[in-house]
Amino acid sequence: WVEGVWVMLSEDRHVDHGTRKMHGDPKIVPDVVGMVLWARALRSMLLDGMMDEDGKVKRGAEMLLAVWQRFEPESEEVKNDWRRQNDHLIMWTPVWHGMKMARNILGETTPLGRDLRTVMTRDLEPLLDNARKVVSDNSKENGDVKRRGLTVYDELSKIATDDSSTSSIDSAA
């Protein structure tokens, strides 16, 4: 079904012409492309024996890296806003796991694997580490209410493959 959604995103009627946040083609928005990479890598992991025979994981990783310059680091004013941080967990955790699975499938020491790791450690891990802390603290302050972002984070951590790196997001899961 991901492929069907991806095709729909190519149709002009699905392209936002500047009226919403995406401001244009959703196929160049990192979190959209990242979700497609996650789905492709998960399929490869679960159904194709960690092989990328059709090349879709590789193309997804290349596409994500190509649009990554559109990634916008969060501003200082939202770093402690638990609602925004909860949204970050929901939006960026699958992208991070998609990158991690893609590295395992494509090879961690390949140029593409190294480029994915750079983006993961430079951009996503600090963002997710902060988001998890802020949302966890808010959850504790409010009677241990489990926020959706923490649920997404925890559930995806259960199905993600292990790799030999020692990132803070790995140890927090």
N, C-alpha and C. Protein backbone atom coordinates (compact mmCIF):
# COMPACT_ATOMS: atom_id res chain seq x y z
N TRP A 1 0.81 -1.20 0.00
CA TRP A 1 0.00 0.00 0.00
C TRP A 1 0.85 1.26 0.00
N VAL A 2 2.06 1.17 0.54
CA VAL A 2 2.94 2.33 0.55
C VAL A 2 3.24 2.78 -0.87
N GLU A 3 3.44 1.82 -1.74
CA GLU A 3 3.73 2.18 -3.13
C GLU A 3 2.56 2.93 -3.76
N GLY A 4 1.34 2.52 -3.42
CA GLY A 4 0.16 3.21 -3.93
C GLY A 4 0.07 4.63 -3.43
N VAL A 5 0.37 4.83 -2.16
CA VAL A 5 0.37 6.19 -1.60
C VAL A 5 1.46 7.01 -2.27
N TRP A 6 2.61 6.41 -2.48
CA TRP A 6 3.72 7.11 -3.11
C TRP A 6 3.35 7.59 -4.51
N VAL A 7 2.63 6.74 -5.26
CA VAL A 7 2.18 7.12 -6.60
C VAL A 7 1.18 8.27 -6.49
N MET A 8 0.26 8.19 -5.53
CA MET A 8 -0.72 9.27 -5.37
C MET A 8 -0.03 10.60 -5.07
N LEU A 9 1.06 10.56 -4.33
CA LEU A 9 1.77 11.79 -4.01
C LEU A 9 2.33 12.47 -5.25
N SER A 10 2.45 11.72 -6.33
CA SER A 10 2.96 12.29 -7.58
C SER A 10 1.89 13.03 -8.37
N GLU A 11 0.63 12.78 -8.04
CA GLU A 11 -0.46 13.40 -8.77
C GLU A 11 -0.64 14.85 -8.33
N ASP A 12 -0.88 15.72 -9.29
CA ASP A 12 -0.98 17.15 -9.01
C ASP A 12 -2.07 17.48 -7.99
N ARG A 13 -3.15 16.73 -7.99
CA ARG A 13 -4.23 17.04 -7.04
C ARG A 13 -3.83 16.77 -5.60
N HIS A 14 -2.75 16.05 -5.40
CA HIS A 14 -2.27 15.77 -4.04
C HIS A 14 -1.10 16.67 -3.64
N VAL A 15 -0.70 17.54 -4.52
CA VAL A 15 0.39 18.46 -4.23
C VAL A 15 -0.20 19.74 -3.65
N ASP A 16 0.29 20.11 -2.51
CA ASP A 16 -0.15 21.34 -1.85
C ASP A 16 0.54 22.51 -2.55
N HIS A 17 -0.24 23.48 -2.94
CA HIS A 17 0.32 24.63 -3.66
C HIS A 17 0.50 25.82 -2.73
N GLY A 18 1.09 25.56 -1.56
CA GLY A 18 1.47 26.65 -0.67
C GLY A 18 0.45 27.02 0.39
N THR A 19 -0.58 26.21 0.57
CA THR A 19 -1.60 26.58 1.55
C THR A 19 -1.39 25.95 2.91
N ARG A 20 -0.56 24.92 2.98
CA ARG A 20 -0.31 24.25 4.26
C ARG A 20 1.19 24.20 4.53
N LYS A 21 1.54 23.49 5.59
CA LYS A 21 2.92 23.42 6.04
C LYS A 21 3.89 22.89 4.98
N MET A 22 3.46 21.91 4.16
CA MET A 22 4.39 21.28 3.23
C MET A 22 4.85 22.23 2.14
N HIS A 23 4.04 23.17 1.78
CA HIS A 23 4.40 24.15 0.75
C HIS A 23 4.97 23.49 -0.50
N GLY A 24 4.17 22.64 -1.10
CA GLY A 24 4.60 22.04 -2.35
C GLY A 24 4.48 20.54 -2.36
N ASP A 25 5.42 19.93 -3.01
CA ASP A 25 5.41 18.50 -3.26
C ASP A 25 5.74 17.71 -1.98
N PRO A 26 4.82 16.85 -1.51
CA PRO A 26 5.10 16.08 -0.30
C PRO A 26 6.24 15.08 -0.49
N LYS A 27 6.61 14.79 -1.74
CA LYS A 27 7.70 13.85 -1.98
C LYS A 27 9.07 14.46 -1.70
N ILE A 28 9.10 15.74 -1.31
CA ILE A 28 10.38 16.34 -0.96
C ILE A 28 10.42 16.76 0.51
N VAL A 29 9.47 16.26 1.29
CA VAL A 29 9.42 16.58 2.72
C VAL A 29 10.06 15.41 3.47
N PRO A 30 11.11 15.68 4.26
CA PRO A 30 11.87 14.59 4.89
C PRO A 30 11.04 13.60 5.70
N ASP A 31 10.07 14.07 6.47
CA ASP A 31 9.32 13.11 7.28
C ASP A 31 8.41 12.22 6.42
N VAL A 32 7.92 12.71 5.31
CA VAL A 32 7.12 11.89 4.40
C VAL A 32 8.02 10.86 3.72
N VAL A 33 9.13 11.30 3.17
CA VAL A 33 10.07 10.39 2.52
C VAL A 33 10.61 9.38 3.53
N GLY A 34 10.87 9.85 4.74
CA GLY A 34 11.37 8.97 5.80
C GLY A 34 10.39 7.88 6.18
N MET A 35 9.10 8.20 6.19
CA MET A 35 8.09 7.18 6.49
C MET A 35 8.04 6.13 5.39
N VAL A 36 8.22 6.54 4.15
CA VAL A 36 8.24 5.58 3.04
C VAL A 36 9.47 4.68 3.19
N LEU A 37 10.61 5.26 3.53
CA LEU A 37 11.81 4.46 3.76
C LEU A 37 11.56 3.45 4.88
N TRP A 38 10.94 3.90 5.97
CA TRP A 38 10.64 3.00 7.09
C TRP A 38 9.81 1.81 6.61
N ALA A 39 8.74 2.08 5.86
CA ALA A 39 7.86 1.01 5.40
C ALA A 39 8.60 0.06 4.46
N ARG A 40 9.42 0.60 3.58
CA ARG A 40 10.17 -0.24 2.64
C ARG A 40 11.20 -1.10 3.38
N ALA A 41 11.89 -0.50 4.34
CA ALA A 41 12.90 -1.24 5.10
C ALA A 41 12.24 -2.31 5.98
N LEU A 42 11.12 -1.97 6.57
CA LEU A 42 10.41 -2.94 7.40
C LEU A 42 9.95 -4.13 6.56
N ARG A 43 9.43 -3.84 5.38
CA ARG A 43 9.01 -4.93 4.48
C ARG A 43 10.20 -5.81 4.14
N SER A 44 11.32 -5.20 3.82
CA SER A 44 12.51 -5.95 3.48
C SER A 44 12.97 -6.80 4.68
N MET A 45 12.89 -6.21 5.85
CA MET A 45 13.33 -6.91 7.06
C MET A 45 12.42 -8.10 7.37
N LEU A 46 11.11 -7.89 7.28
CA LEU A 46 10.16 -8.92 7.69
C LEU A 46 9.84 -9.94 6.61
N LEU A 47 9.85 -9.52 5.35
CA LEU A 47 9.38 -10.41 4.28
C LEU A 47 10.45 -10.83 3.28
N ASP A 48 11.52 -10.07 3.16
CA ASP A 48 12.50 -10.34 2.11
C ASP A 48 13.86 -10.78 2.65
N GLY A 49 13.91 -11.22 3.89
CA GLY A 49 15.16 -11.72 4.44
C GLY A 49 16.28 -10.71 4.49
N MET A 50 15.94 -9.45 4.77
CA MET A 50 16.93 -8.36 4.87
C MET A 50 17.63 -8.09 3.54
N MET A 51 16.98 -8.43 2.45
CA MET A 51 17.55 -8.20 1.12
C MET A 51 16.79 -7.06 0.45
N ASP A 52 17.49 -6.31 -0.38
CA ASP A 52 16.89 -5.21 -1.13
C ASP A 52 16.95 -5.54 -2.62
N GLU A 53 16.34 -6.66 -2.98
CA GLU A 53 16.44 -7.14 -4.36
C GLU A 53 15.80 -6.21 -5.37
N ASP A 54 14.74 -5.50 -4.98
CA ASP A 54 14.09 -4.58 -5.92
C ASP A 54 14.68 -3.17 -5.86
N GLY A 55 15.61 -2.93 -4.95
CA GLY A 55 16.29 -1.65 -4.86
C GLY A 55 15.49 -0.53 -4.22
N LYS A 56 14.32 -0.84 -3.67
CA LYS A 56 13.47 0.21 -3.13
C LYS A 56 14.01 0.80 -1.83
N VAL A 57 14.68 0.00 -1.02
CA VAL A 57 15.28 0.54 0.21
C VAL A 57 16.41 1.50 -0.16
N LYS A 58 17.24 1.09 -1.09
CA LYS A 58 18.34 1.96 -1.53
C LYS A 58 17.81 3.26 -2.11
N ARG A 59 16.81 3.17 -3.01
CA ARG A 59 16.24 4.39 -3.60
C ARG A 59 15.59 5.27 -2.53
N GLY A 60 14.92 4.65 -1.56
CA GLY A 60 14.31 5.42 -0.48
C GLY A 60 15.35 6.14 0.36
N ALA A 61 16.45 5.46 0.66
CA ALA A 61 17.52 6.08 1.45
C ALA A 61 18.17 7.22 0.67
N GLU A 62 18.42 7.00 -0.61
CA GLU A 62 19.01 8.06 -1.44
C GLU A 62 18.07 9.27 -1.53
N MET A 63 16.79 8.99 -1.68
CA MET A 63 15.81 10.07 -1.78
C MET A 63 15.75 10.87 -0.47
N LEU A 64 15.77 10.16 0.66
CA LEU A 64 15.72 10.84 1.95
C LEU A 64 16.95 11.73 2.14
N LEU A 65 18.10 11.21 1.82
CA LEU A 65 19.32 12.02 1.95
C LEU A 65 19.29 13.23 1.01
N ALA A 66 18.70 13.04 -0.17
CA ALA A 66 18.63 14.14 -1.14
C ALA A 66 17.73 15.27 -0.66
N VAL A 67 16.69 14.96 0.10
CA VAL A 67 15.77 16.01 0.57
C VAL A 67 16.06 16.44 2.01
N TRP A 68 17.10 15.87 2.60
CA TRP A 68 17.35 16.12 4.02
C TRP A 68 17.62 17.59 4.33
N GLN A 69 18.11 18.37 3.38
CA GLN A 69 18.38 19.78 3.65
C GLN A 69 17.11 20.52 4.04
N ARG A 70 15.94 19.94 3.78
CA ARG A 70 14.67 20.55 4.19
C ARG A 70 14.34 20.26 5.64
N PHE A 71 15.13 19.41 6.30
CA PHE A 71 14.93 19.12 7.72
C PHE A 71 15.18 20.41 8.49
N GLU A 72 14.25 20.76 9.34
CA GLU A 72 14.38 21.99 10.10
C GLU A 72 14.57 21.67 11.58
N PRO A 73 15.74 21.96 12.12
CA PRO A 73 15.95 21.74 13.55
C PRO A 73 14.95 22.58 14.34
N GLU A 74 14.60 22.06 15.49
CA GLU A 74 13.62 22.79 16.29
C GLU A 74 14.20 24.06 16.87
N SER A 75 13.34 25.01 17.09
CA SER A 75 13.78 26.27 17.69
C SER A 75 13.86 26.10 19.20
N GLU A 76 14.59 26.96 19.83
CA GLU A 76 14.77 26.89 21.29
C GLU A 76 13.45 26.99 22.04
N GLU A 77 12.51 27.77 21.49
CA GLU A 77 11.25 27.98 22.21
C GLU A 77 10.37 26.74 22.30
N VAL A 78 10.58 25.74 21.45
CA VAL A 78 9.75 24.54 21.52
C VAL A 78 10.46 23.35 22.16
N LYS A 79 11.71 23.50 22.54
CA LYS A 79 12.45 22.38 23.09
C LYS A 79 11.86 21.82 24.38
N ASN A 80 11.13 22.64 25.12
CA ASN A 80 10.52 22.16 26.36
C ASN A 80 9.00 22.08 26.29
N ASP A 81 8.43 22.25 25.12
CA ASP A 81 6.99 22.14 24.91
C ASP A 81 6.65 20.66 24.71
N TRP A 82 6.05 20.04 25.72
CA TRP A 82 5.84 18.59 25.66
C TRP A 82 4.94 18.18 24.49
N ARG A 83 3.99 19.03 24.12
CA ARG A 83 3.12 18.67 23.00
C ARG A 83 3.90 18.61 21.69
N ARG A 84 4.73 19.59 21.45
CA ARG A 84 5.57 19.59 20.24
C ARG A 84 6.55 18.42 20.26
N GLN A 85 7.10 18.15 21.44
CA GLN A 85 8.05 17.04 21.56
C GLN A 85 7.34 15.70 21.36
N ASN A 86 6.11 15.59 21.82
CA ASN A 86 5.32 14.38 21.59
C ASN A 86 5.11 14.19 20.08
N ASP A 87 4.80 15.29 19.39
CA ASP A 87 4.66 15.23 17.93
C ASP A 87 5.97 14.80 17.28
N HIS A 88 7.09 15.29 17.80
CA HIS A 88 8.39 14.89 17.24
C HIS A 88 8.60 13.38 17.39
N LEU A 89 8.23 12.83 18.54
CA LEU A 89 8.38 11.39 18.73
C LEU A 89 7.53 10.61 17.73
N ILE A 90 6.31 11.06 17.52
CA ILE A 90 5.41 10.38 16.59
C ILE A 90 5.93 10.48 15.16
N MET A 91 6.43 11.64 14.79
CA MET A 91 6.84 11.89 13.41
C MET A 91 8.24 11.34 13.10
N TRP A 92 9.21 11.53 13.98
CA TRP A 92 10.60 11.23 13.64
C TRP A 92 11.09 9.87 14.10
N THR A 93 10.42 9.22 15.07
CA THR A 93 10.87 7.90 15.49
C THR A 93 10.82 6.89 14.35
N PRO A 94 9.72 6.83 13.56
CA PRO A 94 9.73 5.88 12.43
C PRO A 94 10.82 6.20 11.40
N VAL A 95 11.09 7.47 11.20
CA VAL A 95 12.13 7.86 10.25
C VAL A 95 13.49 7.35 10.74
N TRP A 96 13.78 7.55 12.02
CA TRP A 96 15.04 7.09 12.60
C TRP A 96 15.16 5.58 12.45
N HIS A 97 14.10 4.86 12.79
CA HIS A 97 14.14 3.40 12.68
C HIS A 97 14.25 2.95 11.22
N GLY A 98 13.62 3.66 10.31
CA GLY A 98 13.76 3.35 8.89
C GLY A 98 15.20 3.50 8.44
N MET A 99 15.86 4.55 8.91
CA MET A 99 17.27 4.75 8.57
C MET A 99 18.13 3.64 9.16
N LYS A 100 17.83 3.27 10.39
CA LYS A 100 18.59 2.21 11.05
C LYS A 100 18.43 0.88 10.32
N MET A 101 17.19 0.55 9.97
CA MET A 101 16.96 -0.70 9.24
C MET A 101 17.60 -0.66 7.86
N ALA A 102 17.52 0.48 7.19
CA ALA A 102 18.14 0.62 5.87
C ALA A 102 19.65 0.41 5.96
N ARG A 103 20.27 0.93 7.01
CA ARG A 103 21.71 0.72 7.18
C ARG A 103 22.02 -0.76 7.35
N ASN A 104 21.18 -1.47 8.11
CA ASN A 104 21.39 -2.90 8.29
C ASN A 104 21.22 -3.67 6.98
N ILE A 105 20.28 -3.25 6.16
CA ILE A 105 19.99 -3.93 4.90
C ILE A 105 21.05 -3.60 3.85
N LEU A 106 21.42 -2.33 3.75
CA LEU A 106 22.32 -1.88 2.69
C LEU A 106 23.79 -2.02 3.06
N GLY A 107 24.07 -2.11 4.34
CA GLY A 107 25.45 -2.22 4.81
C GLY A 107 25.86 -0.95 5.54
N GLU A 108 26.26 -1.13 6.79
CA GLU A 108 26.61 0.01 7.62
C GLU A 108 27.87 0.72 7.16
N THR A 109 28.75 0.00 6.48
CA THR A 109 30.02 0.60 6.09
C THR A 109 30.01 1.10 4.64
N THR A 110 28.90 0.96 3.96
CA THR A 110 28.80 1.50 2.60
C THR A 110 28.70 3.02 2.70
N PRO A 111 29.02 3.73 1.64
CA PRO A 111 28.86 5.19 1.69
C PRO A 111 27.45 5.63 2.07
N LEU A 112 26.45 4.93 1.54
CA LEU A 112 25.06 5.27 1.87
C LEU A 112 24.77 4.99 3.35
N GLY A 113 25.27 3.88 3.86
CA GLY A 113 25.10 3.56 5.28
C GLY A 113 25.76 4.59 6.18
N ARG A 114 26.95 5.03 5.80
CA ARG A 114 27.65 6.05 6.60
C ARG A 114 26.92 7.39 6.54
N ASP A 115 26.40 7.75 5.36
CA ASP A 115 25.66 9.01 5.24
C ASP A 115 24.39 8.99 6.09
N LEU A 116 23.70 7.86 6.10
CA LEU A 116 22.51 7.74 6.94
C LEU A 116 22.89 7.89 8.41
N ARG A 117 23.98 7.26 8.81
CA ARG A 117 24.42 7.33 10.21
C ARG A 117 24.75 8.77 10.60
N THR A 118 25.36 9.51 9.71
CA THR A 118 25.68 10.91 9.99
C THR A 118 24.42 11.70 10.30
N VAL A 119 23.40 11.54 9.47
CA VAL A 119 22.14 12.26 9.68
C VAL A 119 21.49 11.80 10.98
N MET A 120 21.54 10.51 11.24
CA MET A 120 20.93 9.98 12.45
C MET A 120 21.57 10.59 13.70
N THR A 121 22.90 10.58 13.75
CA THR A 121 23.58 11.05 14.96
C THR A 121 23.61 12.57 15.07
N ARG A 122 23.73 13.25 13.96
CA ARG A 122 23.81 14.71 13.98
C ARG A 122 22.46 15.37 14.21
N ASP A 123 21.41 14.85 13.58
CA ASP A 123 20.12 15.54 13.58
C ASP A 123 19.05 14.83 14.39
N LEU A 124 18.82 13.56 14.12
CA LEU A 124 17.67 12.90 14.72
C LEU A 124 17.87 12.45 16.17
N GLU A 125 19.02 11.91 16.49
CA GLU A 125 19.20 11.42 17.85
C GLU A 125 19.12 12.53 18.90
N PRO A 126 19.74 13.69 18.70
CA PRO A 126 19.56 14.75 19.70
C PRO A 126 18.11 15.20 19.82
N LEU A 127 17.42 15.29 18.68
CA LEU A 127 16.02 15.69 18.70
C LEU A 127 15.17 14.66 19.45
N LEU A 128 15.35 13.38 19.16
CA LEU A 128 14.56 12.34 19.80
C LEU A 128 14.92 12.16 21.27
N ASP A 129 16.21 12.30 21.60
CA ASP A 129 16.61 12.21 23.01
C ASP A 129 15.93 13.30 23.83
N ASN A 130 15.94 14.52 23.32
CA ASN A 130 15.29 15.62 24.01
C ASN A 130 13.78 15.39 24.10
N ALA A 131 13.19 14.99 23.00
CA ALA A 131 11.74 14.77 22.97
C ALA A 131 11.33 13.70 23.98
N ARG A 132 12.07 12.63 24.02
CA ARG A 132 11.74 11.55 24.96
C ARG A 132 11.85 12.01 26.40
N LYS A 133 12.87 12.79 26.70
CA LYS A 133 13.03 13.29 28.06
C LYS A 133 11.89 14.23 28.44
N VAL A 134 11.58 15.18 27.58
CA VAL A 134 10.54 16.16 27.87
C VAL A 134 9.17 15.48 28.04
N VAL A 135 8.85 14.57 27.14
CA VAL A 135 7.55 13.89 27.20
C VAL A 135 7.50 12.94 28.40
N SER A 136 8.60 12.25 28.68
CA SER A 136 8.63 11.38 29.87
C SER A 136 8.45 12.17 31.15
N ASP A 137 9.13 13.31 31.23
CA ASP A 137 8.98 14.16 32.42
C ASP A 137 7.54 14.63 32.57
N ASN A 138 6.93 15.04 31.47
CA ASN A 138 5.54 15.48 31.52
C ASN A 138 4.62 14.34 31.93
N SER A 139 4.89 13.16 31.43
CA SER A 139 4.08 12.00 31.77
C SER A 139 4.14 11.72 33.27
N LYS A 140 5.35 11.78 33.84
CA LYS A 140 5.51 11.55 35.28
C LYS A 140 4.81 12.62 36.10
N GLU A 141 4.89 13.86 35.64
CA GLU A 141 4.25 14.97 36.35
C GLU A 141 2.72 14.87 36.32
N ASN A 142 2.19 14.09 35.40
CA ASN A 142 0.74 13.98 35.24
C ASN A 142 0.25 12.56 35.52
N GLY A 143 0.77 11.97 36.56
CA GLY A 143 0.29 10.65 36.99
C GLY A 143 0.67 9.50 36.08
N ASP A 144 1.82 9.59 35.46
CA ASP A 144 2.33 8.54 34.57
C ASP A 144 1.41 8.24 33.39
N VAL A 145 0.79 9.28 32.87
CA VAL A 145 -0.03 9.14 31.67
C VAL A 145 0.92 8.81 30.53
N LYS A 146 0.65 7.72 29.83
CA LYS A 146 1.52 7.32 28.72
C LYS A 146 1.12 8.11 27.48
N ARG A 147 1.96 8.99 27.04
CA ARG A 147 1.70 9.81 25.85
C ARG A 147 1.92 8.98 24.59
N ARG A 148 1.19 9.32 23.54
CA ARG A 148 1.25 8.57 22.29
C ARG A 148 2.67 8.53 21.72
N GLY A 149 3.40 9.63 21.81
CA GLY A 149 4.77 9.64 21.29
C GLY A 149 5.65 8.60 21.96
N LEU A 150 5.49 8.44 23.27
CA LEU A 150 6.27 7.42 23.98
C LEU A 150 5.85 6.02 23.56
N THR A 151 4.56 5.83 23.31
CA THR A 151 4.08 4.53 22.85
C THR A 151 4.66 4.20 21.48
N VAL A 152 4.65 5.16 20.56
CA VAL A 152 5.23 4.95 19.23
C VAL A 152 6.71 4.60 19.37
N TYR A 153 7.41 5.37 20.17
CA TYR A 153 8.84 5.15 20.39
C TYR A 153 9.09 3.74 20.91
N ASP A 154 8.35 3.35 21.96
CA ASP A 154 8.57 2.05 22.57
C ASP A 154 8.19 0.90 21.64
N GLU A 155 7.06 1.02 20.94
CA GLU A 155 6.61 -0.05 20.06
C GLU A 155 7.56 -0.25 18.88
N LEU A 156 8.03 0.85 18.30
CA LEU A 156 8.96 0.71 17.18
C LEU A 156 10.31 0.16 17.64
N SER A 157 10.68 0.47 18.85
CA SER A 157 11.94 -0.06 19.38
C SER A 157 11.89 -1.57 19.51
N LYS A 158 10.70 -2.12 19.74
CA LYS A 158 10.56 -3.57 19.88
C LYS A 158 10.80 -4.31 18.56
N ILE A 159 10.43 -3.69 17.43
CA ILE A 159 10.56 -4.40 16.15
C ILE A 159 11.82 -4.04 15.38
N ALA A 160 12.51 -3.00 15.81
CA ALA A 160 13.72 -2.58 15.09
C ALA A 160 14.82 -3.61 15.29
N THR A 161 15.64 -3.75 14.28
CA THR A 161 16.75 -4.68 14.38
C THR A 161 17.86 -4.06 15.20
N ASP A 162 18.66 -4.89 15.78
CA ASP A 162 19.81 -4.43 16.55
C ASP A 162 20.93 -4.08 15.60
N ASP A 163 21.71 -3.07 15.95
CA ASP A 163 22.96 -2.86 15.22
C ASP A 163 24.06 -2.62 16.22
N SER A 164 25.27 -2.59 15.76
CA SER A 164 26.40 -2.57 16.67
C SER A 164 26.72 -1.18 17.20
N SER A 165 26.01 -0.17 16.73
CA SER A 165 26.30 1.17 17.22
C SER A 165 25.74 1.35 18.61
N THR A 166 26.23 2.34 19.30
CA THR A 166 25.76 2.61 20.65
C THR A 166 25.27 4.04 20.71
N SER A 167 24.12 4.27 20.13
CA SER A 167 23.54 5.60 20.18
C SER A 167 22.70 5.74 21.42
N SER A 168 22.42 6.95 21.81
CA SER A 168 21.62 7.18 22.99
C SER A 168 20.19 6.70 22.79
N ILE A 169 19.69 6.75 21.58
CA ILE A 169 18.32 6.28 21.36
C ILE A 169 18.25 4.76 21.53
N ASP A 170 19.31 4.05 21.17
CA ASP A 170 19.33 2.59 21.36
C ASP A 170 19.30 2.25 22.85
N SER A 171 20.09 2.93 23.62
CA SER A 171 20.17 2.60 25.03
C SER A 171 18.96 3.06 25.80
N ALA A 172 18.23 4.05 25.26
CA ALA A 172 17.04 4.54 25.94
C ALA A 172 15.85 3.63 25.72
N ALA A 173 15.90 2.84 24.67
CA ALA A 173 14.73 1.99 24.35
C ALA A 173 14.65 0.79 25.25
